[in-house]
Amino acid sequence: MLSLSATITDERITAIIPDANIWTVTVPTPNNDFTKSRDQLARFRSVMRSLLDRIKARHGQITTLHIFPATSVSVAVELGRIRMPKADTLWRIYDQVNQRGGFIPALDIT
C-alpha cells in the first residue's frame, strides 16, 4: 500500500484480497502536495528498494505483488524506475474507481 497522497485503510485492501499481508509506505499526513523535492524521491527509491527486497525474501519469488497506490505521478514514475524486470515478481497495480466500488485491477507488469 502506498498511502502518500491520501489515506488507504487496510479494510479497502482486505475487501479485495481477504488474506492479504499488507505492507504500508506512508507519510505522517498523506496529502496531494507531499512531494516537494528530488531528495524526497531519492529517499522513496531507497525505502522502496529495501522494502521490495524484504517482501520478496518473505513471500517468495513467484508471489504476485499487489500495489494499491495513492500517490503523486512523480512517485509512481520512480516506482516504475526501480523495478527490476528479471528479478522482481509480477506486479498487479490497482486503481481507485468509485463508480465500481473501490480499487480494481488496472495493470499487470510481468
PDB file of N, CA and C in Angstrom:
ATOM      1  N   MET A   1       0.849  -1.170   0.000  1.00  0.00           N
ATOM      2  CA  MET A   1       0.000   0.000   0.000  1.00  0.00           C
ATOM      3  C   MET A   1       0.896   1.234   0.000  1.00  0.00           C
ATOM      4  N   LEU A   2       0.661   2.114  -0.952  1.00  0.00           N
ATOM      5  CA  LEU A   2       1.360   3.401  -0.987  1.00  0.00           C
ATOM      6  C   LEU A   2       0.339   4.468  -0.597  1.00  0.00           C
ATOM      7  N   SER A   3       0.326   4.798   0.662  1.00  0.00           N
ATOM      8  CA  SER A   3      -0.645   5.748   1.198  1.00  0.00           C
ATOM      9  C   SER A   3       0.068   7.078   1.424  1.00  0.00           C
ATOM     10  N   LEU A   4       0.299   7.802   0.325  1.00  0.00           N
ATOM     11  CA  LEU A   4       1.106   9.021   0.383  1.00  0.00           C
ATOM     12  C   LEU A   4       0.303  10.284   0.109  1.00  0.00           C
ATOM     13  N   SER A   5      -0.540  10.260  -0.901  1.00  0.00           N
ATOM     14  CA  SER A   5      -1.335  11.456  -1.198  1.00  0.00           C
ATOM     15  C   SER A   5      -2.733  11.369  -0.596  1.00  0.00           C
ATOM     16  N   ALA A   6      -3.099  10.208  -0.078  1.00  0.00           N
ATOM     17  CA  ALA A   6      -4.375  10.014   0.610  1.00  0.00           C
ATOM     18  C   ALA A   6      -4.235   8.787   1.511  1.00  0.00           C
ATOM     19  N   THR A   7      -5.086   8.692   2.506  1.00  0.00           N
ATOM     20  CA  THR A   7      -5.059   7.554   3.413  1.00  0.00           C
ATOM     21  C   THR A   7      -5.799   6.379   2.795  1.00  0.00           C
ATOM     22  N   ILE A   8      -5.164   5.214   2.824  1.00  0.00           N
ATOM     23  CA  ILE A   8      -5.801   3.971   2.411  1.00  0.00           C
ATOM     24  C   ILE A   8      -5.899   3.103   3.653  1.00  0.00           C
ATOM     25  N   THR A   9      -7.083   2.613   3.954  1.00  0.00           N
ATOM     26  CA  THR A   9      -7.247   1.743   5.117  1.00  0.00           C
ATOM     27  C   THR A   9      -7.060   0.283   4.711  1.00  0.00           C
ATOM     28  N   ASP A  10      -6.638  -0.530   5.663  1.00  0.00           N
ATOM     29  CA  ASP A  10      -6.452  -1.958   5.408  1.00  0.00           C
ATOM     30  C   ASP A  10      -7.741  -2.615   4.897  1.00  0.00           C
ATOM     31  N   GLU A  11      -8.877  -2.163   5.403  1.00  0.00           N
ATOM     32  CA  GLU A  11     -10.161  -2.761   5.017  1.00  0.00           C
ATOM     33  C   GLU A  11     -10.440  -2.629   3.521  1.00  0.00           C
ATOM     34  N   ARG A  12      -9.957  -1.571   2.905  1.00  0.00           N
ATOM     35  CA  ARG A  12     -10.150  -1.401   1.461  1.00  0.00           C
ATOM     36  C   ARG A  12      -9.386  -2.456   0.680  1.00  0.00           C
ATOM     37  N   ILE A  13      -8.290  -2.921   1.235  1.00  0.00           N
ATOM     38  CA  ILE A  13      -7.499  -3.961   0.578  1.00  0.00           C
ATOM     39  C   ILE A  13      -8.048  -5.340   0.896  1.00  0.00           C
ATOM     40  N   THR A  14      -8.361  -5.607   2.172  1.00  0.00           N
ATOM     41  CA  THR A  14      -8.863  -6.928   2.535  1.00  0.00           C
ATOM     42  C   THR A  14     -10.254  -7.198   1.960  1.00  0.00           C
ATOM     43  N   ALA A  15     -10.949  -6.161   1.540  1.00  0.00           N
ATOM     44  CA  ALA A  15     -12.227  -6.376   0.832  1.00  0.00           C
ATOM     45  C   ALA A  15     -11.980  -7.046  -0.519  1.00  0.00           C
ATOM     46  N   ILE A  16     -10.787  -6.860  -1.080  1.00  0.00           N
ATOM     47  CA  ILE A  16     -10.435  -7.427  -2.381  1.00  0.00           C
ATOM     48  C   ILE A  16      -9.598  -8.691  -2.211  1.00  0.00           C
ATOM     49  N   ILE A  17      -8.668  -8.661  -1.276  1.00  0.00           N
ATOM     50  CA  ILE A  17      -7.767  -9.795  -1.009  1.00  0.00           C
ATOM     51  C   ILE A  17      -7.882 -10.098   0.490  1.00  0.00           C
ATOM     52  N   PRO A  18      -8.831 -10.951   0.880  1.00  0.00           N
ATOM     53  CA  PRO A  18      -9.109 -11.163   2.307  1.00  0.00           C
ATOM     54  C   PRO A  18      -7.906 -11.580   3.153  1.00  0.00           C
ATOM     55  N   ASP A  19      -7.003 -12.380   2.628  1.00  0.00           N
ATOM     56  CA  ASP A  19      -5.870 -12.865   3.426  1.00  0.00           C
ATOM     57  C   ASP A  19      -4.569 -12.114   3.117  1.00  0.00           C
ATOM     58  N   ALA A  20      -4.696 -10.888   2.668  1.00  0.00           N
ATOM     59  CA  ALA A  20      -3.526 -10.093   2.270  1.00  0.00           C
ATOM     60  C   ALA A  20      -2.573  -9.846   3.432  1.00  0.00           C
ATOM     61  N   ASN A  21      -1.290  -9.950   3.143  1.00  0.00           N
ATOM     62  CA  ASN A  21      -0.243  -9.464   4.048  1.00  0.00           C
ATOM     63  C   ASN A  21       0.042  -8.046   3.598  1.00  0.00           C
ATOM     64  N   ILE A  22      -0.308  -7.075   4.406  1.00  0.00           N
ATOM     65  CA  ILE A  22      -0.241  -5.674   3.984  1.00  0.00           C
ATOM     66  C   ILE A  22       1.043  -5.029   4.481  1.00  0.00           C
ATOM     67  N   TRP A  23       1.786  -4.473   3.540  1.00  0.00           N
ATOM     68  CA  TRP A  23       2.993  -3.691   3.817  1.00  0.00           C
ATOM     69  C   TRP A  23       2.650  -2.257   3.418  1.00  0.00           C
ATOM     70  N   THR A  24       2.914  -1.318   4.288  1.00  0.00           N
ATOM     71  CA  THR A  24       2.484   0.067   4.056  1.00  0.00           C
ATOM     72  C   THR A  24       3.668   1.029   3.975  1.00  0.00           C
ATOM     73  N   VAL A  25       3.623   1.890   2.958  1.00  0.00           N
ATOM     74  CA  VAL A  25       4.536   3.024   2.858  1.00  0.00           C
ATOM     75  C   VAL A  25       3.645   4.256   2.966  1.00  0.00           C
ATOM     76  N   THR A  26       3.932   5.109   3.943  1.00  0.00           N
ATOM     77  CA  THR A  26       3.103   6.283   4.154  1.00  0.00           C
ATOM     78  C   THR A  26       3.947   7.437   4.687  1.00  0.00           C
ATOM     79  N   VAL A  27       3.316   8.557   4.869  1.00  0.00           N
ATOM     80  CA  VAL A  27       3.915   9.744   5.474  1.00  0.00           C
ATOM     81  C   VAL A  27       3.026  10.150   6.644  1.00  0.00           C
ATOM     82  N   PRO A  28       3.528  10.987   7.559  1.00  0.00           N
ATOM     83  CA  PRO A  28       2.709  11.338   8.731  1.00  0.00           C
ATOM     84  C   PRO A  28       1.327  11.891   8.383  1.00  0.00           C
ATOM     85  N   THR A  29       1.254  12.725   7.351  1.00  0.00           N
ATOM     86  CA  THR A  29      -0.032  13.299   6.936  1.00  0.00           C
ATOM     87  C   THR A  29      -0.155  13.177   5.419  1.00  0.00           C
ATOM     88  N   PRO A  30      -0.745  12.065   4.943  1.00  0.00           N
ATOM     89  CA  PRO A  30      -0.897  11.921   3.488  1.00  0.00           C
ATOM     90  C   PRO A  30      -1.692  13.087   2.900  1.00  0.00           C
ATOM     91  N   ASN A  31      -1.175  13.642   1.787  1.00  0.00           N
ATOM     92  CA  ASN A  31      -1.859  14.752   1.122  1.00  0.00           C
ATOM     93  C   ASN A  31      -1.331  14.901  -0.293  1.00  0.00           C
ATOM     94  N   ASN A  32      -2.072  15.603  -1.123  1.00  0.00           N
ATOM     95  CA  ASN A  32      -1.724  15.764  -2.537  1.00  0.00           C
ATOM     96  C   ASN A  32      -0.402  16.482  -2.773  1.00  0.00           C
ATOM     97  N   ASP A  33       0.046  17.270  -1.828  1.00  0.00           N
ATOM     98  CA  ASP A  33       1.241  18.092  -2.033  1.00  0.00           C
ATOM     99  C   ASP A  33       2.458  17.606  -1.255  1.00  0.00           C
ATOM    100  N   PHE A  34       2.489  16.318  -0.901  1.00  0.00           N
ATOM    101  CA  PHE A  34       3.592  15.847  -0.072  1.00  0.00           C
ATOM    102  C   PHE A  34       4.924  15.804  -0.817  1.00  0.00           C
ATOM    103  N   THR A  35       4.922  15.600  -2.132  1.00  0.00           N
ATOM    104  CA  THR A  35       6.179  15.524  -2.893  1.00  0.00           C
ATOM    105  C   THR A  35       6.650  16.940  -3.205  1.00  0.00           C
ATOM    106  N   LYS A  36       7.798  17.298  -2.633  1.00  0.00           N
ATOM    107  CA  LYS A  36       8.279  18.666  -2.799  1.00  0.00           C
ATOM    108  C   LYS A  36       9.691  18.767  -3.341  1.00  0.00           C
ATOM    109  N   SER A  37      10.427  17.639  -3.379  1.00  0.00           N
ATOM    110  CA  SER A  37      11.826  17.762  -3.798  1.00  0.00           C
ATOM    111  C   SER A  37      12.360  16.460  -4.389  1.00  0.00           C
ATOM    112  N   ARG A  38      13.469  16.608  -5.097  1.00  0.00           N
ATOM    113  CA  ARG A  38      14.165  15.428  -5.637  1.00  0.00           C
ATOM    114  C   ARG A  38      14.714  14.575  -4.508  1.00  0.00           C
ATOM    115  N   ASP A  39      15.067  15.205  -3.396  1.00  0.00           N
ATOM    116  CA  ASP A  39      15.562  14.455  -2.238  1.00  0.00           C
ATOM    117  C   ASP A  39      14.509  13.471  -1.732  1.00  0.00           C
ATOM    118  N   GLN A  40      13.255  13.904  -1.707  1.00  0.00           N
ATOM    119  CA  GLN A  40      12.179  13.000  -1.283  1.00  0.00           C
ATOM    120  C   GLN A  40      12.077  11.801  -2.223  1.00  0.00           C
ATOM    121  N   LEU A  41      12.197  12.039  -3.513  1.00  0.00           N
ATOM    122  CA  LEU A  41      12.133  10.939  -4.474  1.00  0.00           C
ATOM    123  C   LEU A  41      13.305   9.988  -4.284  1.00  0.00           C
ATOM    124  N   ALA A  42      14.469  10.517  -3.984  1.00  0.00           N
ATOM    125  CA  ALA A  42      15.637   9.669  -3.731  1.00  0.00           C
ATOM    126  C   ALA A  42      15.424   8.825  -2.476  1.00  0.00           C
ATOM    127  N   ARG A  43      14.862   9.425  -1.441  1.00  0.00           N
ATOM    128  CA  ARG A  43      14.570   8.661  -0.212  1.00  0.00           C
ATOM    129  C   ARG A  43      13.519   7.600  -0.485  1.00  0.00           C
ATOM    130  N   PHE A  44      12.502   7.938  -1.279  1.00  0.00           N
ATOM    131  CA  PHE A  44      11.475   6.966  -1.644  1.00  0.00           C
ATOM    132  C   PHE A  44      12.104   5.776  -2.359  1.00  0.00           C
ATOM    133  N   ARG A  45      12.975   6.041  -3.332  1.00  0.00           N
ATOM    134  CA  ARG A  45      13.650   4.950  -4.056  1.00  0.00           C
ATOM    135  C   ARG A  45      14.389   4.037  -3.094  1.00  0.00           C
ATOM    136  N   SER A  46      15.102   4.622  -2.173  1.00  0.00           N
ATOM    137  CA  SER A  46      15.876   3.851  -1.206  1.00  0.00           C
ATOM    138  C   SER A  46      14.968   2.987  -0.333  1.00  0.00           C
ATOM    139  N   VAL A  47      13.920   3.582   0.188  1.00  0.00           N
ATOM    140  CA  VAL A  47      12.962   2.840   1.034  1.00  0.00           C
ATOM    141  C   VAL A  47      12.319   1.713   0.242  1.00  0.00           C
ATOM    142  N   MET A  48      11.884   2.011  -0.971  1.00  0.00           N
ATOM    143  CA  MET A  48      11.185   1.006  -1.762  1.00  0.00           C
ATOM    144  C   MET A  48      12.095  -0.125  -2.206  1.00  0.00           C
ATOM    145  N   ARG A  49      13.323   0.165  -2.579  1.00  0.00           N
ATOM    146  CA  ARG A  49      14.243  -0.909  -2.971  1.00  0.00           C
ATOM    147  C   ARG A  49      14.434  -1.889  -1.827  1.00  0.00           C
ATOM    148  N   SER A  50      14.637  -1.357  -0.643  1.00  0.00           N
ATOM    149  CA  SER A  50      14.804  -2.200   0.541  1.00  0.00           C
ATOM    150  C   SER A  50      13.523  -2.977   0.852  1.00  0.00           C
ATOM    151  N   LEU A  51      12.399  -2.295   0.780  1.00  0.00           N
ATOM    152  CA  LEU A  51      11.117  -2.942   1.082  1.00  0.00           C
ATOM    153  C   LEU A  51      10.793  -4.045   0.077  1.00  0.00           C
ATOM    154  N   LEU A  52      10.995  -3.793  -1.201  1.00  0.00           N
ATOM    155  CA  LEU A  52      10.719  -4.811  -2.214  1.00  0.00           C
ATOM    156  C   LEU A  52      11.583  -6.042  -1.994  1.00  0.00           C
ATOM    157  N   ASP A  53      12.823  -5.841  -1.587  1.00  0.00           N
ATOM    158  CA  ASP A  53      13.704  -6.965  -1.298  1.00  0.00           C
ATOM    159  C   ASP A  53      13.198  -7.755  -0.092  1.00  0.00           C
ATOM    160  N   ARG A  54      12.762  -7.068   0.947  1.00  0.00           N
ATOM    161  CA  ARG A  54      12.221  -7.739   2.136  1.00  0.00           C
ATOM    162  C   ARG A  54      10.947  -8.504   1.813  1.00  0.00           C
ATOM    163  N   ILE A  55      10.077  -7.918   1.012  1.00  0.00           N
ATOM    164  CA  ILE A  55       8.826  -8.591   0.642  1.00  0.00           C
ATOM    165  C   ILE A  55       9.131  -9.861  -0.137  1.00  0.00           C
ATOM    166  N   LYS A  56      10.026  -9.770  -1.100  1.00  0.00           N
ATOM    167  CA  LYS A  56      10.378 -10.938  -1.916  1.00  0.00           C
ATOM    168  C   LYS A  56      11.023 -12.021  -1.057  1.00  0.00           C
ATOM    169  N   ALA A  57      11.874 -11.643  -0.127  1.00  0.00           N
ATOM    170  CA  ALA A  57      12.520 -12.619   0.753  1.00  0.00           C
ATOM    171  C   ALA A  57      11.495 -13.327   1.643  1.00  0.00           C
ATOM    172  N   ARG A  58      10.499 -12.592   2.073  1.00  0.00           N
ATOM    173  CA  ARG A  58       9.496 -13.176   2.979  1.00  0.00           C
ATOM    174  C   ARG A  58       8.439 -13.988   2.252  1.00  0.00           C
ATOM    175  N   HIS A  59       7.999 -13.524   1.081  1.00  0.00           N
ATOM    176  CA  HIS A  59       6.857 -14.147   0.413  1.00  0.00           C
ATOM    177  C   HIS A  59       7.222 -14.957  -0.822  1.00  0.00           C
ATOM    178  N   GLY A  60       8.460 -14.889  -1.251  1.00  0.00           N
ATOM    179  CA  GLY A  60       8.899 -15.716  -2.359  1.00  0.00           C
ATOM    180  C   GLY A  60       8.883 -15.018  -3.700  1.00  0.00           C
ATOM    181  N   GLN A  61       9.625 -15.606  -4.609  1.00  0.00           N
ATOM    182  CA  GLN A  61       9.837 -15.046  -5.947  1.00  0.00           C
ATOM    183  C   GLN A  61       8.597 -15.126  -6.827  1.00  0.00           C
ATOM    184  N   ILE A  62       7.718 -16.085  -6.586  1.00  0.00           N
ATOM    185  CA  ILE A  62       6.584 -16.268  -7.500  1.00  0.00           C
ATOM    186  C   ILE A  62       5.295 -15.605  -7.014  1.00  0.00           C
ATOM    187  N   THR A  63       5.334 -14.972  -5.854  1.00  0.00           N
ATOM    188  CA  THR A  63       4.152 -14.310  -5.313  1.00  0.00           C
ATOM    189  C   THR A  63       3.896 -12.993  -6.039  1.00  0.00           C
ATOM    190  N   THR A  64       2.656 -12.786  -6.476  1.00  0.00           N
ATOM    191  CA  THR A  64       2.286 -11.515  -7.105  1.00  0.00           C
ATOM    192  C   THR A  64       2.284 -10.410  -6.055  1.00  0.00           C
ATOM    193  N   LEU A  65       2.891  -9.284  -6.398  1.00  0.00           N
ATOM    194  CA  LEU A  65       2.871  -8.112  -5.530  1.00  0.00           C
ATOM    195  C   LEU A  65       1.702  -7.234  -5.964  1.00  0.00           C
ATOM    196  N   HIS A  66       0.726  -7.068  -5.080  1.00  0.00           N
ATOM    197  CA  HIS A  66      -0.449  -6.239  -5.356  1.00  0.00           C
ATOM    198  C   HIS A  66      -0.161  -4.843  -4.814  1.00  0.00           C
ATOM    199  N   ILE A  67      -0.207  -3.845  -5.677  1.00  0.00           N
ATOM    200  CA  ILE A  67       0.138  -2.474  -5.299  1.00  0.00           C
ATOM    201  C   ILE A  67      -1.117  -1.604  -5.335  1.00  0.00           C
ATOM    202  N   PHE A  68      -1.427  -1.021  -4.181  1.00  0.00           N
ATOM    203  CA  PHE A  68      -2.584  -0.129  -4.041  1.00  0.00           C
ATOM    204  C   PHE A  68      -2.037   1.280  -3.819  1.00  0.00           C
ATOM    205  N   PRO A  69      -2.019   2.102  -4.874  1.00  0.00           N
ATOM    206  CA  PRO A  69      -1.369   3.409  -4.742  1.00  0.00           C
ATOM    207  C   PRO A  69      -2.335   4.574  -4.521  1.00  0.00           C
ATOM    208  N   ALA A  70      -1.931   5.443  -3.642  1.00  0.00           N
ATOM    209  CA  ALA A  70      -2.495   6.789  -3.538  1.00  0.00           C
ATOM    210  C   ALA A  70      -1.257   7.672  -3.442  1.00  0.00           C
ATOM    211  N   THR A  71      -0.809   8.136  -4.598  1.00  0.00           N
ATOM    212  CA  THR A  71       0.478   8.822  -4.642  1.00  0.00           C
ATOM    213  C   THR A  71       0.554   9.788  -5.807  1.00  0.00           C
ATOM    214  N   SER A  72       1.583  10.573  -5.815  1.00  0.00           N
ATOM    215  CA  SER A  72       1.800  11.534  -6.904  1.00  0.00           C
ATOM    216  C   SER A  72       2.347  10.823  -8.138  1.00  0.00           C
ATOM    217  N   VAL A  73       2.233  11.466  -9.266  1.00  0.00           N
ATOM    218  CA  VAL A  73       2.756  10.918 -10.514  1.00  0.00           C
ATOM    219  C   VAL A  73       4.264  10.726 -10.419  1.00  0.00           C
ATOM    220  N   SER A  74       4.965  11.684  -9.823  1.00  0.00           N
ATOM    221  CA  SER A  74       6.423  11.573  -9.743  1.00  0.00           C
ATOM    222  C   SER A  74       6.848  10.342  -8.938  1.00  0.00           C
ATOM    223  N   VAL A  75       6.135  10.020  -7.880  1.00  0.00           N
ATOM    224  CA  VAL A  75       6.447   8.830  -7.088  1.00  0.00           C
ATOM    225  C   VAL A  75       6.101   7.568  -7.879  1.00  0.00           C
ATOM    226  N   ALA A  76       4.999   7.584  -8.595  1.00  0.00           N
ATOM    227  CA  ALA A  76       4.629   6.433  -9.421  1.00  0.00           C
ATOM    228  C   ALA A  76       5.691   6.153 -10.482  1.00  0.00           C
ATOM    229  N   VAL A  77       6.216   7.205 -11.080  1.00  0.00           N
ATOM    230  CA  VAL A  77       7.290   7.041 -12.069  1.00  0.00           C
ATOM    231  C   VAL A  77       8.528   6.451 -11.402  1.00  0.00           C
ATOM    232  N   GLU A  78       8.889   6.937 -10.230  1.00  0.00           N
ATOM    233  CA  GLU A  78      10.050   6.404  -9.506  1.00  0.00           C
ATOM    234  C   GLU A  78       9.849   4.933  -9.170  1.00  0.00           C
ATOM    235  N   LEU A  79       8.644   4.566  -8.796  1.00  0.00           N
ATOM    236  CA  LEU A  79       8.358   3.162  -8.504  1.00  0.00           C
ATOM    237  C   LEU A  79       8.639   2.301  -9.728  1.00  0.00           C
ATOM    238  N   GLY A  80       8.194   2.744 -10.875  1.00  0.00           N
ATOM    239  CA  GLY A  80       8.473   2.013 -12.111  1.00  0.00           C
ATOM    240  C   GLY A  80       9.950   1.956 -12.440  1.00  0.00           C
ATOM    241  N   ARG A  81      10.664   3.003 -12.132  1.00  0.00           N
ATOM    242  CA  ARG A  81      12.100   3.051 -12.442  1.00  0.00           C
ATOM    243  C   ARG A  81      12.914   2.072 -11.609  1.00  0.00           C
ATOM    244  N   ILE A  82      12.453   1.749 -10.390  1.00  0.00           N
ATOM    245  CA  ILE A  82      13.232   0.851  -9.540  1.00  0.00           C
ATOM    246  C   ILE A  82      12.928  -0.619  -9.796  1.00  0.00           C
ATOM    247  N   ARG A  83      11.891  -0.879 -10.563  1.00  0.00           N
ATOM    248  CA  ARG A  83      11.536  -2.277 -10.841  1.00  0.00           C
ATOM    249  C   ARG A  83      12.625  -2.944 -11.667  1.00  0.00           C
ATOM    250  N   MET A  84      12.967  -4.158 -11.270  1.00  0.00           N
ATOM    251  CA  MET A  84      13.965  -4.936 -11.995  1.00  0.00           C
ATOM    252  C   MET A  84      13.237  -6.093 -12.689  1.00  0.00           C
ATOM    253  N   PRO A  85      13.007  -5.986 -13.992  1.00  0.00           N
ATOM    254  CA  PRO A  85      12.176  -6.965 -14.704  1.00  0.00           C
ATOM    255  C   PRO A  85      12.626  -8.418 -14.556  1.00  0.00           C
ATOM    256  N   LYS A  86      13.916  -8.662 -14.495  1.00  0.00           N
ATOM    257  CA  LYS A  86      14.396 -10.041 -14.388  1.00  0.00           C
ATOM    258  C   LYS A  86      14.337 -10.577 -12.964  1.00  0.00           C
ATOM    259  N   ALA A  87      14.293  -9.704 -11.988  1.00  0.00           N
ATOM    260  CA  ALA A  87      14.383 -10.145 -10.600  1.00  0.00           C
ATOM    261  C   ALA A  87      13.096  -9.978  -9.800  1.00  0.00           C
ATOM    262  N   ASP A  88      12.260  -9.029 -10.174  1.00  0.00           N
ATOM    263  CA  ASP A  88      11.057  -8.767  -9.387  1.00  0.00           C
ATOM    264  C   ASP A  88       9.908  -9.674  -9.792  1.00  0.00           C
ATOM    265  N   THR A  89       8.992  -9.852  -8.854  1.00  0.00           N
ATOM    266  CA  THR A  89       7.802 -10.661  -9.088  1.00  0.00           C
ATOM    267  C   THR A  89       6.830  -9.899  -9.990  1.00  0.00           C
ATOM    268  N   LEU A  90       5.757 -10.566 -10.376  1.00  0.00           N
ATOM    269  CA  LEU A  90       4.691  -9.895 -11.119  1.00  0.00           C
ATOM    270  C   LEU A  90       4.088  -8.815 -10.225  1.00  0.00           C
ATOM    271  N   TRP A  91       3.856  -7.646 -10.788  1.00  0.00           N
ATOM    272  CA  TRP A  91       3.183  -6.570 -10.058  1.00  0.00           C
ATOM    273  C   TRP A  91       1.781  -6.421 -10.620  1.00  0.00           C
ATOM    274  N   ARG A  92       0.778  -6.395  -9.740  1.00  0.00           N
ATOM    275  CA  ARG A  92      -0.593  -6.058 -10.127  1.00  0.00           C
ATOM    276  C   ARG A  92      -0.910  -4.721  -9.468  1.00  0.00           C
ATOM    277  N   ILE A  93      -1.132  -3.723 -10.290  1.00  0.00           N
ATOM    278  CA  ILE A  93      -1.387  -2.367  -9.793  1.00  0.00           C
ATOM    279  C   ILE A  93      -2.886  -2.093  -9.871  1.00  0.00           C
ATOM    280  N   TYR A  94      -3.417  -1.531  -8.808  1.00  0.00           N
ATOM    281  CA  TYR A  94      -4.848  -1.251  -8.698  1.00  0.00           C
ATOM    282  C   TYR A  94      -5.110   0.242  -8.873  1.00  0.00           C
ATOM    283  N   ASP A  95      -6.341   0.536  -9.268  1.00  0.00           N
ATOM    284  CA  ASP A  95      -6.782   1.917  -9.427  1.00  0.00           C
ATOM    285  C   ASP A  95      -8.083   2.084  -8.657  1.00  0.00           C
ATOM    286  N   GLN A  96      -8.237   3.217  -8.002  1.00  0.00           N
ATOM    287  CA  GLN A  96      -9.473   3.527  -7.295  1.00  0.00           C
ATOM    288  C   GLN A  96     -10.505   4.018  -8.307  1.00  0.00           C
ATOM    289  N   VAL A  97     -11.615   3.303  -8.416  1.00  0.00           N
ATOM    290  CA  VAL A  97     -12.694   3.687  -9.333  1.00  0.00           C
ATOM    291  C   VAL A  97     -13.992   3.691  -8.519  1.00  0.00           C
ATOM    292  N   ASN A  98     -14.403   4.867  -8.092  1.00  0.00           N
ATOM    293  CA  ASN A  98     -15.574   4.979  -7.218  1.00  0.00           C
ATOM    294  C   ASN A  98     -16.826   4.366  -7.837  1.00  0.00           C
ATOM    295  N   GLN A  99     -17.000   4.531  -9.151  1.00  0.00           N
ATOM    296  CA  GLN A  99     -18.187   4.002  -9.819  1.00  0.00           C
ATOM    297  C   GLN A  99     -18.252   2.475  -9.760  1.00  0.00           C
ATOM    298  N   ARG A 100     -17.103   1.836  -9.508  1.00  0.00           N
ATOM    299  CA  ARG A 100     -17.060   0.376  -9.435  1.00  0.00           C
ATOM    300  C   ARG A 100     -16.861  -0.116  -8.005  1.00  0.00           C
ATOM    301  N   GLY A 101     -16.972   0.803  -7.047  1.00  0.00           N
ATOM    302  CA  GLY A 101     -16.970   0.415  -5.654  1.00  0.00           C
ATOM    303  C   GLY A 101     -15.629   0.373  -4.945  1.00  0.00           C
ATOM    304  N   GLY A 102     -14.582   0.893  -5.547  1.00  0.00           N
ATOM    305  CA  GLY A 102     -13.278   0.915  -4.886  1.00  0.00           C
ATOM    306  C   GLY A 102     -12.148   0.580  -5.819  1.00  0.00           C
ATOM    307  N   PHE A 103     -11.146  -0.096  -5.282  1.00  0.00           N
ATOM    308  CA  PHE A 103      -9.993  -0.466  -6.072  1.00  0.00           C
ATOM    309  C   PHE A 103     -10.333  -1.598  -7.029  1.00  0.00           C
ATOM    310  N   ILE A 104      -9.809  -1.487  -8.248  1.00  0.00           N
ATOM    311  CA  ILE A 104      -9.951  -2.551  -9.249  1.00  0.00           C
ATOM    312  C   ILE A 104      -8.572  -2.794  -9.872  1.00  0.00           C
ATOM    313  N   PRO A 105      -8.290  -4.032 -10.321  1.00  0.00           N
ATOM    314  CA  PRO A 105      -7.019  -4.280 -11.011  1.00  0.00           C
ATOM    315  C   PRO A 105      -6.951  -3.428 -12.271  1.00  0.00           C
ATOM    316  N   ALA A 106      -5.837  -2.732 -12.459  1.00  0.00           N
ATOM    317  CA  ALA A 106      -5.693  -1.843 -13.602  1.00  0.00           C
ATOM    318  C   ALA A 106      -4.578  -2.266 -14.548  1.00  0.00           C
ATOM    319  N   LEU A 107      -3.503  -2.860 -13.998  1.00  0.00           N
ATOM    320  CA  LEU A 107      -2.340  -3.157 -14.821  1.00  0.00           C
ATOM    321  C   LEU A 107      -1.537  -4.274 -14.183  1.00  0.00           C
ATOM    322  N   ASP A 108      -1.150  -5.251 -14.987  1.00  0.00           N
ATOM    323  CA  ASP A 108      -0.208  -6.280 -14.563  1.00  0.00           C
ATOM    324  C   ASP A 108       1.117  -6.026 -15.267  1.00  0.00           C
ATOM    325  N   ILE A 109       2.197  -6.023 -14.486  1.00  0.00           N
ATOM    326  CA  ILE A 109       3.539  -5.857 -15.056  1.00  0.00           C
ATOM    327  C   ILE A 109       4.296  -7.142 -14.785  1.00  0.00           C
ATOM    328  N   THR A 110       4.645  -7.829 -15.866  1.00  0.00           N
ATOM    329  CA  THR A 110       5.320  -9.123 -15.724  1.00  0.00           C
ATOM    330  C   THR A 110       6.813  -8.963 -15.803  1.00  0.00           C
TER     331      THR A 110
END
